[in-house]
Protein backbone atom coordinates (compact mmCIF):
# COMPACT_ATOMS: atom_id res chain seq x y z
CA MET A 1 -73.19 50.15 -53.31
CA ALA A 2 -73.57 46.60 -52.19
CA GLN A 3 -75.24 46.05 -48.88
CA PRO A 4 -72.98 45.27 -46.10
CA THR A 5 -73.21 41.67 -44.77
CA PHE A 6 -72.42 40.78 -41.10
CA SER A 7 -71.88 37.30 -39.40
CA THR A 8 -70.71 36.12 -36.06
CA HIS A 9 -66.94 35.85 -35.03
CA VAL A 10 -65.08 32.54 -35.69
CA GLY A 11 -65.93 30.38 -32.53
CA MET A 12 -68.99 32.42 -31.42
CA VAL A 13 -72.50 31.34 -32.33
CA ASP A 14 -75.93 32.28 -32.15
CA ILE A 15 -78.42 30.57 -29.96
CA LEU A 16 -81.67 30.66 -31.98
CA PRO A 17 -85.32 30.36 -30.81
CA ASP A 18 -85.43 26.65 -31.67
CA GLU A 19 -82.56 25.85 -29.39
CA VAL A 20 -83.31 28.42 -26.46
CA GLY A 21 -85.69 25.91 -24.76
CA LYS A 22 -82.81 23.37 -24.24
CA TRP A 23 -80.62 26.01 -22.85
CA GLN A 24 -83.36 27.06 -20.31
CA LYS A 25 -84.15 23.65 -19.28
CA LEU A 26 -80.72 22.90 -18.52
CA GLU A 27 -80.42 26.01 -16.59
CA GLN A 28 -83.39 25.44 -14.57
CA ILE A 29 -81.84 21.71 -13.88
CA ILE A 30 -78.66 23.54 -12.58
CA ARG A 31 -80.50 25.74 -10.46
CA GLU A 32 -82.89 23.01 -8.87
CA GLU A 33 -79.90 20.89 -8.09
CA ALA A 34 -77.73 23.65 -6.60
CA LYS A 35 -80.61 24.73 -4.49
CA LYS A 36 -80.86 21.16 -2.91
CA PHE A 37 -77.27 21.26 -1.99
CA ASN A 38 -77.93 25.00 -0.28
CA PHE A 39 -75.95 26.86 -3.02
CA GLU A 40 -76.62 30.46 -3.98
CA GLU A 41 -76.11 31.84 -7.25
CA ILE A 42 -73.44 34.38 -7.86
CA ARG A 43 -73.00 36.71 -11.33
CA THR A 44 -69.80 38.35 -11.98
CA PRO A 45 -68.92 40.66 -14.80
CA ILE A 46 -67.69 39.15 -18.08
CA LEU A 47 -64.76 41.72 -17.98
CA GLU A 48 -62.08 41.41 -15.26
CA GLN A 49 -58.67 42.78 -14.78
CA THR A 50 -55.84 40.92 -16.76
CA GLU A 51 -53.68 40.66 -13.59
CA LEU A 52 -56.47 38.84 -11.60
CA ILE A 53 -56.68 36.04 -14.18
CA ALA A 54 -52.85 35.96 -14.63
CA ARG A 55 -52.35 35.77 -10.92
CA GLY A 56 -55.25 33.41 -10.28
CA VAL A 57 -54.95 31.14 -13.41
CA GLY A 58 -51.29 31.26 -13.64
CA GLN A 59 -48.75 33.26 -15.94
CA LEU A 60 -47.75 29.92 -17.50
CA THR A 61 -50.84 28.12 -18.29
CA ASP A 62 -52.08 28.01 -21.95
CA ILE A 63 -55.02 30.17 -20.99
CA VAL A 64 -53.00 33.26 -19.75
CA SER A 65 -50.06 32.89 -22.24
CA LYS A 66 -52.00 32.16 -25.54
CA GLU A 67 -55.90 32.15 -25.17
CA MET A 68 -57.12 35.45 -23.30
CA PHE A 69 -59.02 38.07 -25.15
CA ALA A 70 -57.15 41.06 -23.65
CA PHE A 71 -57.43 44.71 -24.43
CA GLU A 72 -56.61 48.07 -22.84
CA ARG A 73 -58.59 51.21 -22.21
CA GLY A 74 -56.39 53.83 -20.98
CA ASP A 75 -54.25 52.76 -18.14
CA ASP A 76 -56.58 49.63 -17.33
CA HIS A 77 -56.01 46.11 -18.76
CA TYR A 78 -59.04 43.99 -19.18
CA VAL A 79 -59.78 40.49 -20.24
CA LEU A 80 -63.17 38.72 -21.27
CA ARG A 81 -63.25 36.23 -18.51
CA PRO A 82 -61.75 32.61 -19.47
CA GLU A 83 -63.23 30.81 -16.48
CA CYS A 84 -65.11 31.98 -13.36
CA THR A 85 -63.27 30.59 -10.25
CA ALA A 86 -60.88 33.54 -10.24
CA PRO A 87 -63.78 36.17 -10.53
CA VAL A 88 -65.70 34.46 -7.96
CA ALA A 89 -62.74 34.52 -5.58
CA ARG A 90 -62.28 38.14 -6.42
CA ALA A 91 -65.87 38.95 -5.60
CA PHE A 92 -65.60 36.75 -2.28
CA VAL A 93 -62.47 38.97 -1.20
CA GLU A 94 -63.82 42.35 -2.46
CA HIS A 95 -67.30 42.15 -0.67
CA HIS A 96 -66.07 40.51 2.18
CA LEU A 97 -68.23 37.49 1.76
CA ASP A 98 -66.51 35.56 4.74
CA GLN A 99 -68.27 38.06 7.03
CA ARG A 100 -71.53 36.41 6.28
CA GLY A 101 -70.49 33.45 8.70
CA GLY A 102 -70.04 29.73 7.60
CA THR A 103 -68.82 28.28 4.38
CA GLN A 104 -69.97 30.61 1.11
CA ASN A 105 -71.60 27.91 -1.18
CA LEU A 106 -71.93 29.77 -4.48
CA TYR A 107 -72.61 28.58 -8.03
CA TYR A 108 -72.84 30.26 -11.49
CA ILE A 109 -73.92 29.87 -15.03
CA GLY A 110 -72.55 32.14 -17.96
CA PRO A 111 -70.44 32.63 -20.91
CA MET A 112 -66.73 32.42 -21.04
CA PHE A 113 -64.09 33.49 -23.77
CA ARG A 114 -60.83 31.71 -24.84
CA ALA A 115 -59.05 32.44 -28.21
CA GLU A 116 -58.28 28.96 -29.26
CA LYS A 117 -59.21 27.13 -32.27
CA PRO A 118 -62.66 26.25 -32.49
CA GLN A 119 -63.85 22.52 -32.63
CA LYS A 120 -66.82 20.36 -31.66
CA GLY A 121 -67.93 21.35 -28.18
CA ARG A 122 -65.41 24.11 -27.57
CA GLN A 123 -65.91 27.57 -28.92
CA ARG A 124 -64.35 30.92 -28.43
CA GLN A 125 -67.36 32.02 -26.54
CA PHE A 126 -68.50 29.13 -24.52
CA HIS A 127 -70.72 28.38 -21.51
CA GLN A 128 -69.83 26.89 -18.22
CA PHE A 129 -71.92 26.28 -15.04
CA GLY A 130 -70.01 25.58 -11.81
CA ALA A 131 -69.88 25.68 -8.03
CA GLU A 132 -67.51 26.67 -5.11
CA ILE A 133 -67.51 26.07 -1.61
CA ILE A 134 -65.15 28.85 0.00
CA GLY A 135 -64.16 28.47 3.59
CA ALA A 136 -64.05 24.65 4.10
CA ALA A 137 -60.78 22.53 4.43
CA ASP A 138 -62.67 19.27 5.07
CA PRO A 139 -62.63 16.44 2.77
CA ALA A 140 -66.41 16.46 2.99
CA ALA A 141 -66.56 19.73 0.99
CA ASP A 142 -64.48 18.16 -1.81
CA VAL A 143 -66.99 15.11 -1.99
CA ASP A 144 -70.22 17.37 -1.63
CA ILE A 145 -68.92 19.57 -4.84
CA ILE A 146 -68.38 16.28 -6.75
CA ALA A 147 -71.89 15.00 -5.47
CA LEU A 148 -73.30 18.27 -6.76
CA MET A 149 -71.74 17.82 -10.27
CA MET A 150 -72.65 14.46 -10.59
CA SER A 151 -76.37 15.06 -9.58
CA ILE A 152 -76.68 17.45 -12.43
CA TYR A 153 -75.53 14.95 -14.95
CA ASP A 154 -77.80 12.27 -13.34
CA ARG A 155 -80.67 14.65 -13.42
CA VAL A 156 -80.04 15.49 -17.18
CA GLY A 157 -79.69 11.65 -17.95
CA ILE A 158 -75.95 11.31 -18.62
CA ALA A 159 -75.17 8.07 -17.17
CA ASN A 160 -72.16 7.12 -19.33
CA THR A 161 -69.84 8.96 -17.38
CA THR A 162 -66.49 8.26 -15.50
CA LEU A 163 -65.33 10.38 -12.54
CA LYS A 164 -61.57 10.49 -12.39
CA ILE A 165 -59.72 11.57 -9.44
CA ASN A 166 -56.10 12.36 -8.27
CA SER A 167 -54.27 14.41 -5.73
CA VAL A 168 -52.15 17.16 -7.03
CA GLY A 169 -50.47 17.72 -3.54
CA ASP A 170 -49.56 20.79 -1.62
CA PRO A 171 -46.71 23.16 -2.54
CA GLU A 172 -44.20 21.04 -0.58
CA SER A 173 -45.53 17.87 -2.47
CA ARG A 174 -45.41 19.48 -5.90
CA LYS A 175 -41.93 20.85 -5.39
CA ALA A 176 -40.63 17.46 -4.85
CA TYR A 177 -42.60 15.72 -7.63
CA LYS A 178 -41.48 18.45 -9.96
CA LYS A 179 -37.89 17.60 -9.42
CA ALA A 180 -38.54 13.88 -9.86
CA LEU A 181 -40.44 14.55 -13.21
CA LYS A 182 -37.58 16.76 -14.40
CA ASP A 183 -34.99 13.97 -13.58
CA TYR A 184 -37.06 11.32 -15.17
CA PHE A 185 -37.92 13.34 -18.37
CA ARG A 186 -34.36 15.09 -19.03
CA PRO A 187 -32.43 11.93 -20.68
CA ASN A 188 -35.27 11.67 -23.16
CA LEU A 189 -36.38 15.57 -23.74
CA SER A 190 -34.88 15.71 -27.18
CA LYS A 191 -37.22 12.91 -28.34
CA MET A 192 -40.41 14.58 -26.85
CA SER A 193 -42.60 17.12 -28.50
CA GLU A 194 -41.94 20.77 -28.69
CA ILE A 195 -44.73 21.85 -26.38
CA SER A 196 -43.49 19.31 -23.68
CA GLN A 197 -40.03 20.54 -24.09
CA GLU A 198 -41.37 24.14 -23.53
CA ARG A 199 -43.37 22.77 -20.38
CA PHE A 200 -40.27 21.00 -19.12
CA GLU A 201 -38.75 24.31 -17.78
CA LYS A 202 -42.07 26.30 -17.04
CA ASN A 203 -44.04 23.55 -15.56
CA PRO A 204 -43.19 19.86 -15.99
CA LEU A 205 -46.44 18.92 -14.50
CA ARG A 206 -48.20 19.97 -17.66
CA ILE A 207 -46.29 17.64 -19.59
CA LEU A 208 -48.59 14.93 -18.19
CA ASP A 209 -51.52 16.61 -19.98
CA SER A 210 -49.81 16.09 -23.40
CA LYS A 211 -51.76 14.36 -26.26
CA GLU A 212 -48.79 14.41 -28.52
CA GLU A 213 -47.92 10.59 -29.80
CA GLU A 214 -44.34 11.00 -29.26
CA ASP A 215 -44.82 11.87 -25.53
CA GLN A 216 -46.96 9.02 -24.57
CA PRO A 217 -44.24 6.37 -23.94
CA PHE A 218 -42.46 8.63 -21.71
CA ILE A 219 -45.71 9.68 -19.75
CA GLU A 220 -46.67 5.78 -19.18
CA ASP A 221 -43.64 5.33 -17.00
CA ALA A 222 -43.42 8.61 -15.42
CA PRO A 223 -43.21 8.96 -11.58
CA LEU A 224 -46.69 9.07 -9.77
CA ILE A 225 -47.54 12.21 -7.58
CA THR A 226 -49.28 10.11 -5.17
CA ASP A 227 -45.64 8.69 -4.19
CA TYR A 228 -44.65 12.27 -3.21
CA LEU A 229 -47.56 13.37 -0.99
CA THR A 230 -46.99 14.88 2.32
CA GLU A 231 -48.45 12.78 5.19
CA GLU A 232 -51.22 15.45 5.55
CA THR A 233 -52.13 15.79 1.93
CA ALA A 234 -52.19 11.72 1.50
CA GLU A 235 -54.44 11.65 4.62
CA HIS A 236 -56.78 14.18 3.07
CA TYR A 237 -56.74 12.03 -0.24
CA GLY A 238 -57.62 9.07 1.46
CA ARG A 239 -60.66 10.57 3.24
CA VAL A 240 -61.80 11.87 -0.21
CA LYS A 241 -61.79 8.37 -1.42
CA GLU A 242 -63.53 6.95 1.48
CA LEU A 243 -66.27 9.35 1.49
CA LEU A 244 -66.89 8.85 -2.18
CA ASP A 245 -66.99 5.01 -1.25
CA ASN A 246 -69.84 5.95 1.42
CA LEU A 247 -71.97 7.68 -1.12
CA GLU A 248 -71.50 4.96 -3.53
CA ILE A 249 -69.89 7.48 -6.07
CA SER A 250 -67.74 5.33 -8.28
CA TYR A 251 -64.57 6.59 -9.36
CA GLU A 252 -61.33 5.77 -11.03
CA GLU A 253 -57.91 7.11 -9.82
CA ASP A 254 -55.77 8.77 -12.47
CA PRO A 255 -52.37 9.40 -10.95
CA TYR A 256 -51.38 11.57 -14.14
CA MET A 257 -54.59 13.96 -14.04
CA VAL A 258 -53.05 17.32 -12.99
CA ARG A 259 -55.76 19.74 -14.38
CA GLY A 260 -54.71 22.84 -16.38
CA LEU A 261 -54.84 25.65 -13.95
CA ASP A 262 -52.33 26.36 -11.37
CA TYR A 263 -54.24 27.13 -8.51
CA TYR A 264 -55.43 23.42 -7.85
CA THR A 265 -54.08 21.75 -4.68
CA ARG A 266 -54.93 18.43 -3.32
CA THR A 267 -57.93 16.84 -4.60
CA ALA A 268 -58.47 17.17 -8.50
CA PHE A 269 -61.15 15.38 -10.58
CA GLU A 270 -62.83 15.29 -13.86
CA VAL A 271 -65.83 13.75 -15.29
CA ILE A 272 -65.35 12.31 -18.94
CA SER A 273 -68.04 10.74 -21.49
CA PRO A 274 -67.22 8.71 -24.27
CA ASP A 275 -70.24 10.04 -26.06
CA LEU A 276 -68.14 13.26 -26.80
CA GLY A 277 -65.39 11.50 -28.91
CA ALA A 278 -61.75 12.61 -28.56
CA GLN A 279 -62.64 15.63 -26.56
CA ASP A 280 -64.22 13.66 -23.81
CA ALA A 281 -64.39 15.82 -20.73
CA LEU A 282 -67.54 17.08 -19.51
CA GLY A 283 -66.37 18.96 -16.46
CA GLY A 284 -64.03 18.76 -13.68
CA GLY A 285 -62.38 20.90 -10.83
CA GLY A 286 -60.57 20.47 -7.52
CA ARG A 287 -59.57 22.14 -4.50
CA TYR A 288 -57.67 25.56 -4.57
CA ASP A 289 -56.52 26.33 -1.02
CA LEU A 290 -53.98 29.17 -2.24
CA LEU A 291 -55.98 30.95 -4.76
CA ILE A 292 -57.77 33.55 -2.34
CA GLU A 293 -54.61 34.74 -0.71
CA GLU A 294 -52.62 34.82 -3.92
CA ILE A 295 -55.20 37.51 -5.03
CA GLY A 296 -55.15 39.63 -1.92
CA GLY A 297 -57.39 37.76 0.62
CA GLN A 298 -56.80 35.94 3.77
CA SER A 299 -55.56 32.32 3.56
CA THR A 300 -58.88 30.60 2.83
CA PRO A 301 -59.44 26.97 1.78
CA ALA A 302 -61.85 26.23 -1.20
CA VAL A 303 -63.07 23.73 -3.65
CA GLY A 304 -65.13 23.94 -6.79
CA PHE A 305 -65.91 22.61 -10.39
CA ALA A 306 -66.74 23.90 -13.75
CA ALA A 307 -68.57 22.15 -16.48
CA GLY A 308 -69.17 23.05 -20.20
CA MET A 309 -72.77 23.49 -21.17
CA GLU A 310 -72.15 22.96 -25.08
CA ARG A 311 -70.40 19.61 -24.13
CA LEU A 312 -73.38 18.41 -22.21
CA MET A 313 -75.70 19.34 -24.96
CA ILE A 314 -73.53 17.25 -27.36
CA ALA A 315 -73.72 14.38 -24.92
CA CYS A 316 -77.46 14.78 -24.93
CA GLU A 317 -77.66 14.64 -28.65
CA GLU A 318 -75.64 11.56 -28.72
CA LEU A 319 -77.61 9.95 -26.36
CA ASN A 320 -80.99 11.20 -27.77
CA ILE A 321 -81.84 13.03 -24.55
CA GLU A 322 -84.54 15.45 -25.02
CA LEU A 323 -84.08 18.27 -22.57
CA VAL A 324 -87.51 19.90 -23.19
CA ASP A 325 -90.79 18.47 -23.92
CA GLU A 326 -92.77 19.85 -27.27
CA GLU A 327 -93.63 23.45 -26.64
CA MET A 328 -97.19 24.15 -27.22
CA LEU A 329 -99.21 27.55 -27.54
CA ASP A 330 -102.54 27.48 -25.49
CA VAL A 331 -104.59 29.82 -27.69
CA TYR A 332 -104.27 31.36 -30.98
CA ILE A 333 -106.89 33.78 -31.92
CA VAL A 334 -107.94 33.72 -35.60
CA THR A 335 -109.61 36.84 -36.93
CA LEU A 336 -111.62 38.09 -39.93
CA GLY A 337 -111.92 41.64 -40.34
CA GLU A 338 -110.94 44.88 -38.57
CA LYS A 339 -113.32 44.72 -35.79
CA ALA A 340 -112.29 41.05 -34.89
CA ARG A 341 -108.66 42.29 -34.83
CA LYS A 342 -109.62 45.00 -32.21
CA TRP A 343 -111.55 42.31 -30.20
CA ALA A 344 -108.35 40.14 -30.30
CA VAL A 345 -106.09 42.96 -29.12
CA LYS A 346 -108.39 43.58 -26.24
CA HIS A 347 -108.78 40.10 -25.11
CA LEU A 348 -105.37 38.81 -25.57
CA PRO A 349 -104.42 40.31 -22.34
CA LYS A 350 -107.26 38.76 -20.45
CA LEU A 351 -106.02 35.18 -21.91
CA ARG A 352 -102.48 35.81 -20.64
CA LYS A 353 -103.64 37.16 -17.22
CA SER A 354 -105.38 33.92 -16.67
CA GLY A 355 -101.98 32.32 -17.06
CA LEU A 356 -102.52 31.09 -20.86
CA SER A 357 -99.92 31.59 -23.61
CA ALA A 358 -101.67 33.33 -26.28
CA SER A 359 -100.98 34.88 -29.74
CA MET A 360 -102.83 36.18 -32.87
CA ASP A 361 -102.28 37.36 -36.52
CA TYR A 362 -100.76 40.77 -36.77
CA ILE A 363 -100.51 41.08 -40.50
CA GLY A 364 -103.91 40.44 -41.73
CA ARG A 365 -103.70 37.00 -43.53
CA SER A 366 -106.37 35.02 -44.54
CA ILE A 367 -108.14 32.65 -42.18
CA LYS A 368 -106.64 29.64 -44.05
CA SER A 369 -103.13 31.20 -43.61
CA GLN A 370 -103.85 31.94 -39.91
CA MET A 371 -104.84 28.33 -39.33
CA LYS A 372 -101.67 27.10 -40.74
CA ASP A 373 -99.81 29.62 -38.65
CA ALA A 374 -101.47 28.35 -35.50
CA ASP A 375 -100.71 24.91 -36.58
CA ARG A 376 -96.97 25.81 -36.92
CA GLU A 377 -97.18 27.45 -33.46
CA ASN A 378 -98.29 24.21 -32.16
CA ALA A 379 -101.31 25.93 -30.81
CA ARG A 380 -103.67 23.65 -28.57
CA HIS A 381 -106.72 25.78 -29.44
CA THR A 382 -107.96 28.62 -31.80
CA ILE A 383 -110.79 30.92 -31.06
CA ILE A 384 -112.17 32.13 -34.28
CA VAL A 385 -113.51 35.53 -34.48
CA GLY A 386 -115.59 37.49 -37.57
CA ASP A 387 -118.61 39.71 -37.75
CA HIS A 388 -121.09 36.87 -37.08
CA GLU A 389 -119.27 35.56 -34.04
CA LEU A 390 -119.10 39.32 -32.66
CA SER A 391 -122.74 39.85 -33.26
CA GLU A 392 -123.94 36.71 -31.74
CA GLY A 393 -121.50 37.08 -28.75
CA LYS A 394 -120.37 33.31 -29.16
CA PHE A 395 -117.03 32.45 -30.73
CA THR A 396 -115.64 29.13 -31.98
CA LEU A 397 -113.31 27.34 -29.65
CA ARG A 398 -111.48 24.76 -31.83
CA ASN A 399 -109.48 22.00 -30.31
CA MET A 400 -106.58 21.63 -32.70
CA LYS A 401 -105.54 18.16 -31.52
CA ALA A 402 -108.89 16.62 -31.34
CA SER A 403 -110.40 18.33 -34.29
CA GLU A 404 -113.32 19.58 -32.42
CA GLU A 405 -114.94 22.80 -32.23
CA ASP A 406 -118.12 24.49 -30.55
CA ALA A 407 -119.40 28.17 -29.95
CA TYR A 408 -119.09 29.80 -26.43
CA THR A 409 -118.95 33.22 -24.78
CA PHE A 410 -115.61 34.64 -24.11
CA ASP A 411 -116.04 33.80 -20.33
CA GLU A 412 -117.23 30.12 -21.14
CA ILE A 413 -114.07 29.87 -23.11
CA LEU A 414 -111.75 31.27 -20.45
CA ARG A 415 -113.36 28.92 -17.76
CA ARG A 416 -113.01 25.86 -20.01
CA LEU A 417 -109.31 26.68 -20.75
CA THR A 418 -108.33 27.36 -17.18
CA GLU A 419 -110.27 24.47 -15.40
């Protein structure tokens, strides 16, 4: 009987040891920058109720209608979370985080899931980091969220980016704008793509997201949402631009950027990088003042962003940005004989308790093979132990980079390596 073979699901990949260092470094940068901005980490379950995502993200969005990994267990309906803003909002309501006082400045890092066609930088299991400011209606919160996102890209070294901004209005603004879009697209609807014809009835704003070639001539001359903003919303948008100017954060206005999720109101933004190719979005976000009330909480203003980690990794590769320095092992103990192996097992913990990374051979290879292994592990030093060294009480400490060695007691070795 043939042995079974197993592999990852389509669109889901293993992150192997050679790659993990880059992920850890990126996570470290995110946490350090978030701390500078006074954000606290929040971790929500991977599983969420289907209704939460449907109500939060929007029944008519592609995520809910086409891309969710959904399943049932008894009477319960679950999804693997496709994004994290709705789960964070749920946690805010469920745990009464408003009672902590002030705004809740929260950030997250973790896997998300969408059942879409895998492509470069877009997997079915992918990773996002993001941040939310819950409880602040002031445009300064919008700008602080943008500043945090940009600071992470700056810290990583991604300079070739463009920040695009727009206002998607409030419900009153969007009602008038949707009518204007329908009036504009209706005469030429039969010439447009099938997906845009479908969006025409469900949500005409989404037509502006279309990448279909036949839609572009009509999108280019479509009405602008900024012409339909209420006075209050227009004032908010103007203040956001003013504050971005004050912080010298450059941006481009994109009046056709509407974002893909229904919960956005007022400010919307996106960061793109030409280093990603056709799928050029690094991340984005906006204000979602209606979401928390929609999922059962009190009316609470909020703003946030989400960004893809895989896409950021691709940008780093394109720009030859090394996220981590070459990792090195401090000490590798090379042993000859069973007594030497017992000595190594006893002294490894002493090296590690002193703050050194240390390893040894576990399978009884020759000294030559062990030295090759130490070199493969990029060891700075080896300690060579055999019967002679044990009888003398001195062990050969070899500097692998300088190719220099001498004999010392273990205490002397420990002192030299930790000075």
